[in-house]
């Protein structure tokens, strides 16, 4: 199965929590149907990306990166690479690379949210498939060269530093964690 095929399967099984999430899912599926290259940065019409919100539920905190180009506090994530065989693998790879933490585990249940947002050229638009991940006990982060900073924030601090996309991702992640208990 190709990454494109995996993305279609993941999106078809994604049950958006509300009408806007369902509309995004349907838009992502249309995008992939219209653009065989819709998984890759080279797709001028926009492309899917994979990200993961890295959390430490035991300590009630989330790890955010100060993105070098966008200069915003964001979850870990980015472009799919040729070696990625699944969206989940791409999200986990990005989270591991950008956090420097080995042993990160994606939350079960597939993506937590979808977020479509414009970005500066040459990419133009990201259709982000957002996962959430937990860290192993005693995990120590290590900043990558893709970041200006890497920092843990208490859950209640996120709204003060990040945009609404990250806040909604955290809310959805915490709801999934509560549902799993």
N, C-alpha and C. Protein backbone atom coordinates (compact mmCIF):
# COMPACT_ATOMS: atom_id res chain seq x y z
N UNK A 1 0.85 -1.18 0.00
CA UNK A 1 0.00 0.00 0.00
C UNK A 1 0.89 1.24 0.00
N UNK A 2 0.59 2.19 -0.84
CA UNK A 2 1.36 3.43 -0.91
C UNK A 2 0.93 4.38 0.21
N UNK A 3 1.74 5.40 0.45
CA UNK A 3 1.40 6.41 1.44
C UNK A 3 0.10 7.11 1.04
N UNK A 4 -0.08 7.37 -0.24
CA UNK A 4 -1.31 7.97 -0.75
C UNK A 4 -2.52 7.09 -0.39
N UNK A 5 -2.40 5.78 -0.61
CA UNK A 5 -3.48 4.85 -0.29
C UNK A 5 -3.74 4.81 1.22
N UNK A 6 -2.66 4.82 2.01
CA UNK A 6 -2.82 4.83 3.46
C UNK A 6 -3.56 6.08 3.90
N UNK A 7 -3.20 7.23 3.33
CA UNK A 7 -3.86 8.48 3.71
C UNK A 7 -5.36 8.41 3.42
N UNK A 8 -5.71 7.86 2.28
CA UNK A 8 -7.14 7.72 1.94
C UNK A 8 -7.84 6.82 2.96
N UNK A 9 -7.22 5.70 3.30
CA UNK A 9 -7.82 4.77 4.27
C UNK A 9 -7.95 5.43 5.64
N UNK A 10 -6.92 6.15 6.07
CA UNK A 10 -6.96 6.83 7.37
C UNK A 10 -8.08 7.86 7.38
N UNK A 11 -8.16 8.65 6.33
CA UNK A 11 -9.17 9.70 6.28
C UNK A 11 -10.58 9.13 6.20
N UNK A 12 -10.76 8.06 5.45
CA UNK A 12 -12.09 7.44 5.36
C UNK A 12 -12.53 6.91 6.72
N UNK A 13 -11.60 6.47 7.54
CA UNK A 13 -11.97 5.94 8.85
C UNK A 13 -12.02 7.02 9.93
N UNK A 14 -11.59 8.24 9.60
CA UNK A 14 -11.59 9.34 10.57
C UNK A 14 -13.01 9.84 10.76
N UNK A 15 -13.50 9.74 11.98
CA UNK A 15 -14.84 10.23 12.31
C UNK A 15 -14.67 11.58 12.99
N UNK A 16 -14.76 12.65 12.21
CA UNK A 16 -14.59 13.99 12.77
C UNK A 16 -15.56 14.22 13.92
N UNK A 17 -15.10 14.96 14.92
CA UNK A 17 -15.90 15.20 16.11
C UNK A 17 -17.07 16.14 15.85
N UNK A 18 -17.02 16.90 14.75
CA UNK A 18 -18.08 17.85 14.46
C UNK A 18 -18.14 18.08 12.95
N UNK A 19 -19.11 18.88 12.52
CA UNK A 19 -19.31 19.12 11.09
C UNK A 19 -18.08 19.74 10.41
N UNK A 20 -17.41 20.73 11.02
CA UNK A 20 -16.22 21.28 10.36
C UNK A 20 -15.11 20.24 10.14
N UNK A 21 -14.93 19.33 11.10
CA UNK A 21 -13.92 18.28 10.93
C UNK A 21 -14.33 17.31 9.82
N UNK A 22 -15.60 17.00 9.74
CA UNK A 22 -16.09 16.13 8.67
C UNK A 22 -15.91 16.79 7.31
N UNK A 23 -16.17 18.08 7.23
CA UNK A 23 -15.97 18.82 5.98
C UNK A 23 -14.49 18.85 5.59
N UNK A 24 -13.61 19.03 6.56
CA UNK A 24 -12.17 18.99 6.28
C UNK A 24 -11.78 17.62 5.73
N UNK A 25 -12.24 16.56 6.40
CA UNK A 25 -11.94 15.20 5.94
C UNK A 25 -12.38 15.01 4.49
N UNK A 26 -13.59 15.44 4.19
CA UNK A 26 -14.09 15.28 2.83
C UNK A 26 -13.27 16.10 1.84
N UNK A 27 -12.83 17.29 2.24
CA UNK A 27 -11.98 18.11 1.40
C UNK A 27 -10.62 17.48 1.17
N UNK A 28 -10.06 16.86 2.21
CA UNK A 28 -8.77 16.16 2.06
C UNK A 28 -8.91 15.02 1.06
N UNK A 29 -10.01 14.27 1.18
CA UNK A 29 -10.23 13.14 0.26
C UNK A 29 -10.40 13.63 -1.18
N UNK A 30 -11.11 14.74 -1.38
CA UNK A 30 -11.23 15.31 -2.73
C UNK A 30 -9.86 15.73 -3.26
N UNK A 31 -9.08 16.35 -2.38
CA UNK A 31 -7.74 16.79 -2.77
C UNK A 31 -6.89 15.61 -3.25
N UNK A 32 -6.92 14.52 -2.50
CA UNK A 32 -6.13 13.35 -2.88
C UNK A 32 -6.66 12.72 -4.17
N UNK A 33 -7.97 12.75 -4.38
CA UNK A 33 -8.54 12.21 -5.62
C UNK A 33 -8.13 13.05 -6.83
N UNK A 34 -8.01 14.36 -6.64
CA UNK A 34 -7.67 15.27 -7.72
C UNK A 34 -6.17 15.42 -7.94
N UNK A 35 -5.38 15.08 -6.93
CA UNK A 35 -3.93 15.30 -7.00
C UNK A 35 -3.18 14.04 -6.58
N UNK A 36 -2.77 13.20 -7.53
CA UNK A 36 -2.01 12.00 -7.19
C UNK A 36 -0.72 12.33 -6.42
N UNK A 37 -0.22 13.57 -6.59
CA UNK A 37 0.99 14.01 -5.87
C UNK A 37 0.65 14.79 -4.60
N UNK A 38 -0.60 14.69 -4.13
CA UNK A 38 -1.08 15.48 -3.00
C UNK A 38 -0.46 15.16 -1.66
N UNK A 39 0.42 14.18 -1.61
CA UNK A 39 1.13 13.85 -0.36
C UNK A 39 2.46 14.59 -0.26
N UNK A 40 2.88 15.22 -1.34
CA UNK A 40 4.26 15.71 -1.41
C UNK A 40 4.35 17.23 -1.49
N UNK A 41 5.40 17.75 -0.94
CA UNK A 41 5.67 19.18 -0.89
C UNK A 41 5.63 19.81 -2.29
N UNK A 42 5.98 19.06 -3.31
CA UNK A 42 6.02 19.60 -4.67
C UNK A 42 4.63 19.87 -5.25
N UNK A 43 3.57 19.40 -4.62
CA UNK A 43 2.22 19.63 -5.13
C UNK A 43 1.84 21.10 -4.90
N UNK A 44 1.76 21.84 -5.98
CA UNK A 44 1.49 23.27 -5.90
C UNK A 44 0.12 23.62 -5.36
N UNK A 45 -0.82 22.70 -5.41
CA UNK A 45 -2.18 22.94 -4.92
C UNK A 45 -2.29 22.73 -3.41
N UNK A 46 -1.18 22.38 -2.76
CA UNK A 46 -1.18 22.05 -1.34
C UNK A 46 -0.92 20.56 -1.17
N UNK A 47 -0.61 20.16 0.05
CA UNK A 47 -0.26 18.77 0.29
C UNK A 47 -0.53 18.40 1.74
N UNK A 48 -0.71 17.09 1.95
CA UNK A 48 -0.91 16.59 3.30
C UNK A 48 0.40 16.64 4.07
N UNK A 49 0.28 16.93 5.34
CA UNK A 49 1.40 16.86 6.27
C UNK A 49 0.94 16.01 7.46
N UNK A 50 1.89 15.60 8.28
CA UNK A 50 1.57 14.79 9.46
C UNK A 50 2.24 15.42 10.67
N UNK A 51 1.49 15.54 11.75
CA UNK A 51 2.06 16.12 12.96
C UNK A 51 1.59 15.33 14.18
N UNK A 52 2.26 15.59 15.29
CA UNK A 52 1.89 14.95 16.55
C UNK A 52 2.13 15.91 17.70
N UNK A 53 1.12 16.06 18.53
CA UNK A 53 1.24 16.83 19.75
C UNK A 53 1.87 15.91 20.80
N UNK A 54 3.04 16.27 21.27
CA UNK A 54 3.78 15.46 22.24
C UNK A 54 3.39 15.90 23.64
N UNK A 55 2.82 14.96 24.41
CA UNK A 55 2.36 15.29 25.75
C UNK A 55 2.98 14.36 26.79
N UNK A 56 3.01 14.87 28.00
CA UNK A 56 3.45 14.11 29.15
C UNK A 56 2.28 14.13 30.14
N UNK A 57 1.34 13.18 30.01
CA UNK A 57 0.14 13.22 30.84
C UNK A 57 0.42 13.10 32.34
N UNK A 58 1.50 12.41 32.69
CA UNK A 58 1.84 12.25 34.11
C UNK A 58 2.17 13.59 34.76
N UNK A 59 2.72 14.51 33.98
CA UNK A 59 3.13 15.81 34.52
C UNK A 59 2.25 16.96 34.00
N UNK A 60 1.21 16.62 33.22
CA UNK A 60 0.27 17.62 32.74
C UNK A 60 0.89 18.70 31.88
N UNK A 61 1.69 18.26 30.91
CA UNK A 61 2.39 19.24 30.08
C UNK A 61 2.48 18.77 28.63
N UNK A 62 2.78 19.73 27.77
CA UNK A 62 2.88 19.49 26.34
C UNK A 62 4.19 20.12 25.84
N UNK A 63 4.85 19.44 24.91
CA UNK A 63 6.10 19.92 24.35
C UNK A 63 5.81 20.61 23.02
N UNK A 64 6.18 21.89 22.93
CA UNK A 64 5.99 22.65 21.70
C UNK A 64 7.33 23.13 21.17
N UNK A 65 7.36 23.30 19.85
CA UNK A 65 8.55 23.80 19.19
C UNK A 65 8.27 25.21 18.66
N UNK A 66 9.24 26.08 18.82
CA UNK A 66 9.15 27.41 18.22
C UNK A 66 9.69 27.25 16.80
N UNK A 67 8.76 27.18 15.85
CA UNK A 67 9.09 26.87 14.46
C UNK A 67 10.02 27.94 13.88
N UNK A 68 11.10 27.49 13.27
CA UNK A 68 12.12 28.39 12.77
C UNK A 68 11.60 29.35 11.69
N UNK A 69 10.83 28.85 10.74
CA UNK A 69 10.34 29.70 9.65
C UNK A 69 9.10 30.49 10.04
N UNK A 70 8.16 29.84 10.73
CA UNK A 70 6.89 30.50 11.03
C UNK A 70 6.94 31.33 12.32
N UNK A 71 7.94 31.06 13.16
CA UNK A 71 8.12 31.77 14.43
C UNK A 71 6.85 31.71 15.28
N UNK A 72 6.31 30.50 15.36
CA UNK A 72 5.13 30.22 16.17
C UNK A 72 5.38 28.96 16.98
N UNK A 73 4.75 28.88 18.16
CA UNK A 73 4.81 27.66 18.96
C UNK A 73 3.82 26.67 18.36
N UNK A 74 4.32 25.51 17.96
CA UNK A 74 3.52 24.50 17.28
C UNK A 74 3.84 23.11 17.80
N UNK A 75 2.95 22.17 17.44
CA UNK A 75 3.24 20.76 17.68
C UNK A 75 4.34 20.32 16.71
N UNK A 76 4.92 19.16 16.95
CA UNK A 76 5.93 18.63 16.05
C UNK A 76 5.24 18.14 14.77
N UNK A 77 5.88 18.35 13.64
CA UNK A 77 5.27 17.84 12.41
C UNK A 77 5.92 18.40 11.17
N UNK A 78 5.48 17.89 10.04
CA UNK A 78 6.02 18.38 8.80
C UNK A 78 5.65 17.52 7.61
N UNK A 79 6.47 17.63 6.60
CA UNK A 79 6.21 16.98 5.32
C UNK A 79 6.45 15.48 5.37
N UNK A 80 5.66 14.78 4.59
CA UNK A 80 5.88 13.34 4.43
C UNK A 80 7.14 13.13 3.60
N UNK A 81 7.82 12.06 3.87
CA UNK A 81 9.07 11.72 3.18
C UNK A 81 8.88 10.42 2.40
N UNK A 82 9.68 10.20 1.36
CA UNK A 82 9.54 8.98 0.56
C UNK A 82 9.62 7.69 1.37
N UNK A 83 10.34 7.69 2.47
CA UNK A 83 10.46 6.46 3.27
C UNK A 83 9.25 6.21 4.17
N UNK A 84 8.36 7.20 4.31
CA UNK A 84 7.16 7.02 5.12
C UNK A 84 6.18 6.12 4.38
N UNK A 85 5.69 5.10 5.06
CA UNK A 85 4.71 4.21 4.44
C UNK A 85 3.30 4.47 4.95
N UNK A 86 3.19 5.17 6.10
CA UNK A 86 1.88 5.52 6.66
C UNK A 86 1.94 6.94 7.21
N UNK A 87 0.75 7.56 7.31
CA UNK A 87 0.68 8.88 7.94
C UNK A 87 1.11 8.80 9.40
N UNK A 88 0.70 7.75 10.08
CA UNK A 88 1.09 7.59 11.49
C UNK A 88 2.60 7.52 11.62
N UNK A 89 3.25 6.78 10.72
CA UNK A 89 4.71 6.67 10.75
C UNK A 89 5.34 8.04 10.51
N UNK A 90 4.79 8.81 9.58
CA UNK A 90 5.32 10.15 9.30
C UNK A 90 5.18 11.05 10.53
N UNK A 91 4.03 11.01 11.19
CA UNK A 91 3.82 11.82 12.39
C UNK A 91 4.78 11.41 13.50
N UNK A 92 4.96 10.11 13.69
CA UNK A 92 5.87 9.63 14.72
C UNK A 92 7.32 10.00 14.40
N UNK A 93 7.71 9.88 13.14
CA UNK A 93 9.06 10.26 12.72
C UNK A 93 9.30 11.73 13.01
N UNK A 94 8.36 12.58 12.60
CA UNK A 94 8.50 14.02 12.83
C UNK A 94 8.59 14.34 14.32
N UNK A 95 7.73 13.71 15.12
CA UNK A 95 7.74 13.96 16.56
C UNK A 95 9.07 13.56 17.19
N UNK A 96 9.60 12.43 16.76
CA UNK A 96 10.87 11.95 17.29
C UNK A 96 12.03 12.85 16.85
N UNK A 97 12.07 13.20 15.57
CA UNK A 97 13.15 14.06 15.06
C UNK A 97 13.14 15.43 15.72
N UNK A 98 11.96 16.04 15.84
CA UNK A 98 11.89 17.42 16.32
C UNK A 98 11.95 17.54 17.83
N UNK A 99 11.60 16.47 18.55
CA UNK A 99 11.67 16.51 20.01
C UNK A 99 12.99 15.94 20.54
N UNK A 100 13.61 15.07 19.74
CA UNK A 100 14.82 14.40 20.20
C UNK A 100 14.53 13.29 21.20
N UNK A 101 13.27 12.92 21.37
CA UNK A 101 12.88 11.92 22.36
C UNK A 101 12.63 10.58 21.68
N UNK A 102 13.35 9.56 22.12
CA UNK A 102 13.10 8.20 21.63
C UNK A 102 12.00 7.56 22.47
N UNK A 103 11.26 6.66 21.86
CA UNK A 103 10.25 5.91 22.59
C UNK A 103 8.90 6.60 22.68
N UNK A 104 8.68 7.62 21.86
CA UNK A 104 7.37 8.28 21.81
C UNK A 104 6.35 7.27 21.26
N UNK A 105 5.14 7.32 21.80
CA UNK A 105 4.08 6.41 21.37
C UNK A 105 2.85 7.21 20.95
N UNK A 106 2.34 6.95 19.74
CA UNK A 106 1.13 7.62 19.30
C UNK A 106 -0.06 7.10 20.10
N UNK A 107 -1.00 7.99 20.42
CA UNK A 107 -2.24 7.56 21.05
C UNK A 107 -3.00 6.68 20.07
N UNK A 108 -3.69 5.69 20.58
CA UNK A 108 -4.48 4.81 19.71
C UNK A 108 -5.70 5.57 19.19
N UNK A 109 -6.27 5.05 18.13
CA UNK A 109 -7.47 5.64 17.58
C UNK A 109 -7.26 6.51 16.37
N UNK A 110 -6.03 6.59 15.87
CA UNK A 110 -5.77 7.37 14.67
C UNK A 110 -5.65 8.85 14.93
N UNK A 111 -5.83 9.66 13.89
CA UNK A 111 -5.65 11.11 14.05
C UNK A 111 -6.63 11.68 15.07
N UNK A 112 -6.18 12.74 15.72
CA UNK A 112 -6.99 13.43 16.72
C UNK A 112 -7.80 14.56 16.07
N UNK A 113 -7.18 15.24 15.11
CA UNK A 113 -7.83 16.37 14.42
C UNK A 113 -7.23 16.53 13.03
N UNK A 114 -7.89 17.37 12.24
CA UNK A 114 -7.39 17.81 10.96
C UNK A 114 -7.32 19.33 11.00
N UNK A 115 -6.33 19.91 10.33
CA UNK A 115 -6.22 21.37 10.28
C UNK A 115 -5.64 21.78 8.93
N UNK A 116 -6.38 22.59 8.21
CA UNK A 116 -5.95 23.10 6.89
C UNK A 116 -5.58 24.56 7.08
N UNK A 117 -4.34 24.90 6.70
CA UNK A 117 -3.89 26.27 6.93
C UNK A 117 -2.93 26.73 5.83
N UNK A 118 -3.01 28.02 5.49
CA UNK A 118 -2.07 28.57 4.50
C UNK A 118 -0.69 28.73 5.13
N UNK A 119 0.32 28.60 4.30
CA UNK A 119 1.70 28.83 4.75
C UNK A 119 2.45 29.59 3.67
N UNK A 120 3.58 30.17 4.01
CA UNK A 120 4.34 30.93 3.01
C UNK A 120 4.80 30.06 1.84
N UNK A 121 4.97 30.68 0.69
CA UNK A 121 5.48 30.00 -0.51
C UNK A 121 6.83 29.39 -0.19
N UNK A 122 7.19 28.30 -0.80
CA UNK A 122 6.58 27.73 -2.00
C UNK A 122 5.47 26.73 -1.73
N UNK A 123 5.18 26.42 -0.48
CA UNK A 123 4.21 25.34 -0.20
C UNK A 123 2.76 25.77 -0.33
N UNK A 124 2.41 26.95 0.07
CA UNK A 124 1.09 27.55 -0.04
C UNK A 124 0.05 27.03 0.95
N UNK A 125 -0.14 25.71 1.06
CA UNK A 125 -1.18 25.21 1.97
C UNK A 125 -0.82 23.83 2.50
N UNK A 126 -1.02 23.67 3.81
CA UNK A 126 -0.85 22.36 4.44
C UNK A 126 -2.21 21.81 4.83
N UNK A 127 -2.42 20.55 4.54
CA UNK A 127 -3.59 19.81 4.97
C UNK A 127 -3.07 18.84 6.03
N UNK A 128 -3.05 19.32 7.26
CA UNK A 128 -2.37 18.60 8.33
C UNK A 128 -3.25 17.54 8.96
N UNK A 129 -2.71 16.34 9.09
CA UNK A 129 -3.34 15.23 9.79
C UNK A 129 -2.64 15.16 11.14
N UNK A 130 -3.39 15.47 12.20
CA UNK A 130 -2.80 15.68 13.52
C UNK A 130 -3.04 14.49 14.46
N UNK A 131 -1.95 13.95 14.93
CA UNK A 131 -1.98 12.86 15.91
C UNK A 131 -1.56 13.43 17.27
N UNK A 132 -1.58 12.60 18.27
CA UNK A 132 -1.06 12.94 19.59
C UNK A 132 -0.19 11.79 20.06
N UNK A 133 0.82 12.11 20.86
CA UNK A 133 1.77 11.10 21.30
C UNK A 133 2.18 11.36 22.74
N UNK A 134 2.49 10.28 23.43
CA UNK A 134 2.98 10.39 24.80
C UNK A 134 4.46 10.03 24.84
N UNK A 135 5.12 10.52 25.87
CA UNK A 135 6.55 10.27 26.05
C UNK A 135 6.75 9.21 27.13
N UNK A 136 7.87 8.49 27.05
CA UNK A 136 8.16 7.52 28.11
C UNK A 136 8.60 8.24 29.39
N UNK A 137 8.49 7.58 30.55
CA UNK A 137 8.93 8.20 31.80
C UNK A 137 10.40 8.63 31.70
N UNK A 138 10.69 9.79 32.23
CA UNK A 138 12.06 10.29 32.27
C UNK A 138 12.58 10.80 30.94
N UNK A 139 11.70 11.00 29.98
CA UNK A 139 12.12 11.46 28.64
C UNK A 139 12.78 12.83 28.73
N UNK A 140 13.87 12.97 27.99
CA UNK A 140 14.58 14.24 27.91
C UNK A 140 14.57 14.72 26.47
N UNK A 141 14.05 15.93 26.27
CA UNK A 141 13.98 16.49 24.93
C UNK A 141 15.35 17.01 24.47
N UNK A 142 15.49 17.12 23.15
CA UNK A 142 16.73 17.63 22.55
C UNK A 142 16.31 18.41 21.30
N UNK A 143 16.60 19.67 21.27
CA UNK A 143 16.15 20.54 20.19
C UNK A 143 16.84 20.20 18.86
N UNK A 144 16.04 20.20 17.79
CA UNK A 144 16.60 19.97 16.46
C UNK A 144 16.94 21.31 15.83
N UNK A 145 17.62 21.26 14.70
CA UNK A 145 17.95 22.51 14.02
C UNK A 145 16.78 23.09 13.24
N UNK A 146 15.59 22.45 13.31
CA UNK A 146 14.39 23.00 12.70
C UNK A 146 13.67 23.97 13.64
N UNK A 147 14.16 24.07 14.88
CA UNK A 147 13.49 24.87 15.90
C UNK A 147 14.34 26.02 16.38
N UNK A 148 13.66 27.08 16.80
CA UNK A 148 14.35 28.17 17.50
C UNK A 148 14.37 27.90 19.00
N UNK A 149 13.39 27.12 19.46
CA UNK A 149 13.30 26.77 20.87
C UNK A 149 12.41 25.53 20.99
N UNK A 150 12.54 24.84 22.08
CA UNK A 150 11.76 23.65 22.37
C UNK A 150 11.46 23.71 23.85
N UNK A 151 10.16 23.69 24.21
CA UNK A 151 9.83 23.93 25.61
C UNK A 151 8.56 23.20 26.02
N UNK A 152 8.57 22.74 27.29
CA UNK A 152 7.38 22.14 27.89
C UNK A 152 6.50 23.25 28.44
N UNK A 153 5.18 23.12 28.21
CA UNK A 153 4.20 24.06 28.75
C UNK A 153 3.14 23.26 29.49
N UNK A 154 2.71 23.78 30.64
CA UNK A 154 1.56 23.19 31.33
C UNK A 154 0.36 23.32 30.40
N UNK A 155 -0.58 22.40 30.51
CA UNK A 155 -1.75 22.43 29.63
C UNK A 155 -2.41 23.82 29.63
N UNK A 156 -2.54 24.41 30.82
CA UNK A 156 -3.24 25.70 30.90
C UNK A 156 -2.42 26.88 30.40
N UNK A 157 -1.17 26.66 30.03
CA UNK A 157 -0.33 27.73 29.46
C UNK A 157 -0.40 27.79 27.94
N UNK A 158 -0.87 26.72 27.32
CA UNK A 158 -0.81 26.61 25.85
C UNK A 158 -1.58 27.73 25.16
N UNK A 159 -2.76 28.06 25.65
CA UNK A 159 -3.56 29.11 25.01
C UNK A 159 -2.85 30.46 25.01
N UNK A 160 -1.95 30.68 25.94
CA UNK A 160 -1.22 31.94 26.02
C UNK A 160 -0.04 32.05 25.07
N UNK A 161 0.38 30.91 24.49
CA UNK A 161 1.57 30.95 23.61
C UNK A 161 1.30 30.46 22.19
N UNK A 162 0.26 29.66 22.02
CA UNK A 162 0.02 29.02 20.72
C UNK A 162 -1.29 29.51 20.10
N UNK A 163 -1.45 29.24 18.81
CA UNK A 163 -2.67 29.65 18.12
C UNK A 163 -3.82 28.67 18.41
N UNK A 164 -5.00 29.00 17.89
CA UNK A 164 -6.19 28.19 18.20
C UNK A 164 -6.08 26.77 17.67
N UNK A 165 -5.33 26.56 16.60
CA UNK A 165 -5.17 25.21 16.07
C UNK A 165 -4.51 24.30 17.11
N UNK A 166 -3.48 24.78 17.75
CA UNK A 166 -2.77 23.99 18.76
C UNK A 166 -3.65 23.81 20.00
N UNK A 167 -4.37 24.86 20.37
CA UNK A 167 -5.27 24.78 21.53
C UNK A 167 -6.34 23.72 21.28
N UNK A 168 -6.95 23.72 20.09
CA UNK A 168 -7.98 22.72 19.77
C UNK A 168 -7.39 21.31 19.73
N UNK A 169 -6.17 21.19 19.22
CA UNK A 169 -5.51 19.89 19.19
C UNK A 169 -5.29 19.38 20.61
N UNK A 170 -4.86 20.25 21.50
CA UNK A 170 -4.67 19.85 22.90
C UNK A 170 -6.01 19.46 23.53
N UNK A 171 -7.06 20.25 23.30
CA UNK A 171 -8.38 19.92 23.86
C UNK A 171 -8.86 18.55 23.37
N UNK A 172 -8.70 18.30 22.08
CA UNK A 172 -9.13 17.01 21.52
C UNK A 172 -8.29 15.86 22.07
N UNK A 173 -7.00 16.11 22.26
CA UNK A 173 -6.11 15.10 22.82
C UNK A 173 -6.51 14.76 24.25
N UNK A 174 -6.76 15.78 25.05
CA UNK A 174 -7.15 15.55 26.45
C UNK A 174 -8.50 14.83 26.52
N UNK A 175 -9.41 15.16 25.61
CA UNK A 175 -10.70 14.46 25.57
C UNK A 175 -10.50 12.99 25.23
N UNK A 176 -9.58 12.69 24.29
CA UNK A 176 -9.32 11.29 23.94
C UNK A 176 -8.70 10.56 25.13
N UNK A 177 -7.77 11.22 25.83
CA UNK A 177 -7.17 10.59 27.00
C UNK A 177 -8.22 10.31 28.07
N UNK A 178 -9.12 11.27 28.30
CA UNK A 178 -10.18 11.06 29.29
C UNK A 178 -11.10 9.93 28.88
N UNK A 179 -11.37 9.81 27.59
CA UNK A 179 -12.23 8.74 27.08
C UNK A 179 -11.59 7.38 27.19
N UNK A 180 -10.26 7.34 27.24
CA UNK A 180 -9.54 6.07 27.31
C UNK A 180 -9.45 5.55 28.75
N UNK A 181 -9.77 6.39 29.69
CA UNK A 181 -9.65 5.99 31.10
C UNK A 181 -10.85 5.25 31.59
